[in-house]
């Protein structure tokens, strides 16, 4: 399970993305900055073993949340929910 502390701080996402895995699920979390509107978290999960760029888009599930502490918690909870749904695949 991904914990709130493992999801790192907001400043981290201003510079780079966060990737990881919980077998068999892989995940990617990043900040998106639209030209108009507020920044937000964009997260994906997909089955391993391949990295994001080598996985067919049809196998990826995505979720967005506001770019703030509450949104970070929402993304972490969503990834954990996805893990519970797909852990036996």
C-alpha atoms as a PDB file:
ATOM      1  CA  UNK A   1       0.000   0.000   0.000  1.00  0.00           C
ATOM      2  CA  UNK A   2       1.142   3.521  -0.790  1.00  0.00           C
ATOM      3  CA  UNK A   3       1.238   5.703   2.323  1.00  0.00           C
ATOM      4  CA  UNK A   4       0.678   9.441   2.450  1.00  0.00           C
ATOM      5  CA  UNK A   5       4.345  10.000   3.459  1.00  0.00           C
ATOM      6  CA  UNK A   6       5.643   7.833   0.603  1.00  0.00           C
ATOM      7  CA  UNK A   7       3.806  10.037  -1.896  1.00  0.00           C
ATOM      8  CA  UNK A   8       6.415  12.766  -1.170  1.00  0.00           C
ATOM      9  CA  UNK A   9       5.833  16.508  -0.820  1.00  0.00           C
ATOM     10  CA  UNK A  10       4.284  18.945  -3.270  1.00  0.00           C
ATOM     11  CA  UNK A  11       7.627  20.580  -4.138  1.00  0.00           C
ATOM     12  CA  UNK A  12       8.877  17.235  -5.479  1.00  0.00           C
ATOM     13  CA  UNK A  13       6.105  17.172  -8.103  1.00  0.00           C
ATOM     14  CA  UNK A  14       6.944  20.695  -9.240  1.00  0.00           C
ATOM     15  CA  UNK A  15      10.225  19.291 -10.593  1.00  0.00           C
ATOM     16  CA  UNK A  16       9.591  15.680 -11.582  1.00  0.00           C
ATOM     17  CA  UNK A  17       7.171  12.750 -11.495  1.00  0.00           C
ATOM     18  CA  UNK A  18       6.935   9.854  -9.049  1.00  0.00           C
ATOM     19  CA  UNK A  19       6.789   6.260 -10.234  1.00  0.00           C
ATOM     20  CA  UNK A  20       6.593   3.014  -8.347  1.00  0.00           C
ATOM     21  CA  UNK A  21       4.987  -0.378  -8.142  1.00  0.00           C
ATOM     22  CA  UNK A  22       3.067  -2.663  -5.862  1.00  0.00           C
ATOM     23  CA  UNK A  23       3.116  -6.039  -7.583  1.00  0.00           C
ATOM     24  CA  UNK A  24       1.473  -6.491 -10.008  1.00  0.00           C
ATOM     25  CA  UNK A  25       0.470  -2.822 -10.339  1.00  0.00           C
ATOM     26  CA  UNK A  26       2.713   0.043 -11.490  1.00  0.00           C
ATOM     27  CA  UNK A  27       1.893   3.715 -11.018  1.00  0.00           C
ATOM     28  CA  UNK A  28       2.934   7.205 -12.143  1.00  0.00           C
ATOM     29  CA  UNK A  29       2.032  10.481 -10.432  1.00  0.00           C
ATOM     30  CA  UNK A  30       2.865  13.876 -11.903  1.00  0.00           C
ATOM     31  CA  UNK A  31       1.817  17.488 -11.825  1.00  0.00           C
ATOM     32  CA  UNK A  32       0.051  18.872 -14.893  1.00  0.00           C
ATOM     33  CA  UNK A  33       0.075  22.626 -15.550  1.00  0.00           C
ATOM     34  CA  UNK A  34      -2.577  23.668 -18.053  1.00  0.00           C
ATOM     35  CA  UNK A  35      -2.202  26.993 -19.832  1.00  0.00           C
ATOM     36  CA  UNK A  36      -5.473  28.054 -18.246  1.00  0.00           C
ATOM     37  CA  UNK A  37      -6.626  26.924 -14.834  1.00  0.00           C
ATOM     38  CA  UNK A  38      -4.911  25.510 -11.792  1.00  0.00           C
ATOM     39  CA  UNK A  39      -2.258  22.784 -11.704  1.00  0.00           C
ATOM     40  CA  UNK A  40      -3.478  19.301 -10.829  1.00  0.00           C
ATOM     41  CA  UNK A  41      -2.212  15.810 -10.070  1.00  0.00           C
ATOM     42  CA  UNK A  42      -2.437  13.298 -12.896  1.00  0.00           C
ATOM     43  CA  UNK A  43      -1.965   9.655 -11.968  1.00  0.00           C
ATOM     44  CA  UNK A  44      -2.014   6.396 -13.882  1.00  0.00           C
ATOM     45  CA  UNK A  45      -1.906   2.739 -12.905  1.00  0.00           C
ATOM     46  CA  UNK A  46      -1.229  -0.196 -15.216  1.00  0.00           C
ATOM     47  CA  UNK A  47      -0.262  -3.859 -14.996  1.00  0.00           C
ATOM     48  CA  UNK A  48       3.447  -4.681 -14.963  1.00  0.00           C
ATOM     49  CA  UNK A  49       6.000  -5.635 -15.918  1.00  0.00           C
ATOM     50  CA  UNK A  50       6.592  -2.827 -18.422  1.00  0.00           C
ATOM     51  CA  UNK A  51       7.250   0.857 -17.827  1.00  0.00           C
ATOM     52  CA  UNK A  52       4.666   3.514 -18.696  1.00  0.00           C
ATOM     53  CA  UNK A  53       5.988   4.303 -22.165  1.00  0.00           C
ATOM     54  CA  UNK A  54       6.119   0.628 -23.181  1.00  0.00           C
ATOM     55  CA  UNK A  55       2.606  -0.206 -21.980  1.00  0.00           C
ATOM     56  CA  UNK A  56      -0.352   0.023 -24.337  1.00  0.00           C
ATOM     57  CA  UNK A  57      -2.591   2.975 -23.427  1.00  0.00           C
ATOM     58  CA  UNK A  58      -5.622   0.706 -23.323  1.00  0.00           C
ATOM     59  CA  UNK A  59      -4.156  -0.983 -20.209  1.00  0.00           C
ATOM     60  CA  UNK A  60      -3.680   2.287 -18.296  1.00  0.00           C
ATOM     61  CA  UNK A  61      -6.248   3.707 -15.885  1.00  0.00           C
ATOM     62  CA  UNK A  62      -5.979   7.395 -15.003  1.00  0.00           C
ATOM     63  CA  UNK A  63      -7.230   9.759 -12.328  1.00  0.00           C
ATOM     64  CA  UNK A  64      -6.817  13.478 -11.593  1.00  0.00           C
ATOM     65  CA  UNK A  65      -7.061  15.528  -8.399  1.00  0.00           C
ATOM     66  CA  UNK A  66      -6.301  19.109  -7.344  1.00  0.00           C
ATOM     67  CA  UNK A  67      -2.638  19.921  -6.821  1.00  0.00           C
ATOM     68  CA  UNK A  68      -2.715  20.351  -3.050  1.00  0.00           C
ATOM     69  CA  UNK A  69      -2.285  18.205   0.066  1.00  0.00           C
ATOM     70  CA  UNK A  70      -5.869  16.982  -0.099  1.00  0.00           C
ATOM     71  CA  UNK A  71      -5.397  16.057  -3.763  1.00  0.00           C
ATOM     72  CA  UNK A  72      -2.202  14.187  -2.919  1.00  0.00           C
ATOM     73  CA  UNK A  73      -4.111  12.166  -0.340  1.00  0.00           C
ATOM     74  CA  UNK A  74      -6.878  11.513  -2.888  1.00  0.00           C
ATOM     75  CA  UNK A  75      -4.336  10.236  -5.436  1.00  0.00           C
ATOM     76  CA  UNK A  76      -2.731   7.952  -2.847  1.00  0.00           C
ATOM     77  CA  UNK A  77      -6.118   6.567  -1.818  1.00  0.00           C
ATOM     78  CA  UNK A  78      -7.063   6.022  -5.471  1.00  0.00           C
ATOM     79  CA  UNK A  79      -3.835   4.115  -6.191  1.00  0.00           C
ATOM     80  CA  UNK A  80      -4.454   1.933  -3.129  1.00  0.00           C
ATOM     81  CA  UNK A  81      -8.032   1.262  -4.281  1.00  0.00           C
ATOM     82  CA  UNK A  82      -6.752   0.266  -7.717  1.00  0.00           C
ATOM     83  CA  UNK A  83      -4.209  -2.039  -6.111  1.00  0.00           C
ATOM     84  CA  UNK A  84      -6.950  -3.757  -4.098  1.00  0.00           C
ATOM     85  CA  UNK A  85      -9.048  -4.185  -7.240  1.00  0.00           C
ATOM     86  CA  UNK A  86      -6.218  -5.609  -9.363  1.00  0.00           C
ATOM     87  CA  UNK A  87      -3.821  -7.312  -6.928  1.00  0.00           C
ATOM     88  CA  UNK A  88      -4.862 -10.826  -7.926  1.00  0.00           C
ATOM     89  CA  UNK A  89      -4.523 -10.307 -11.685  1.00  0.00           C
END
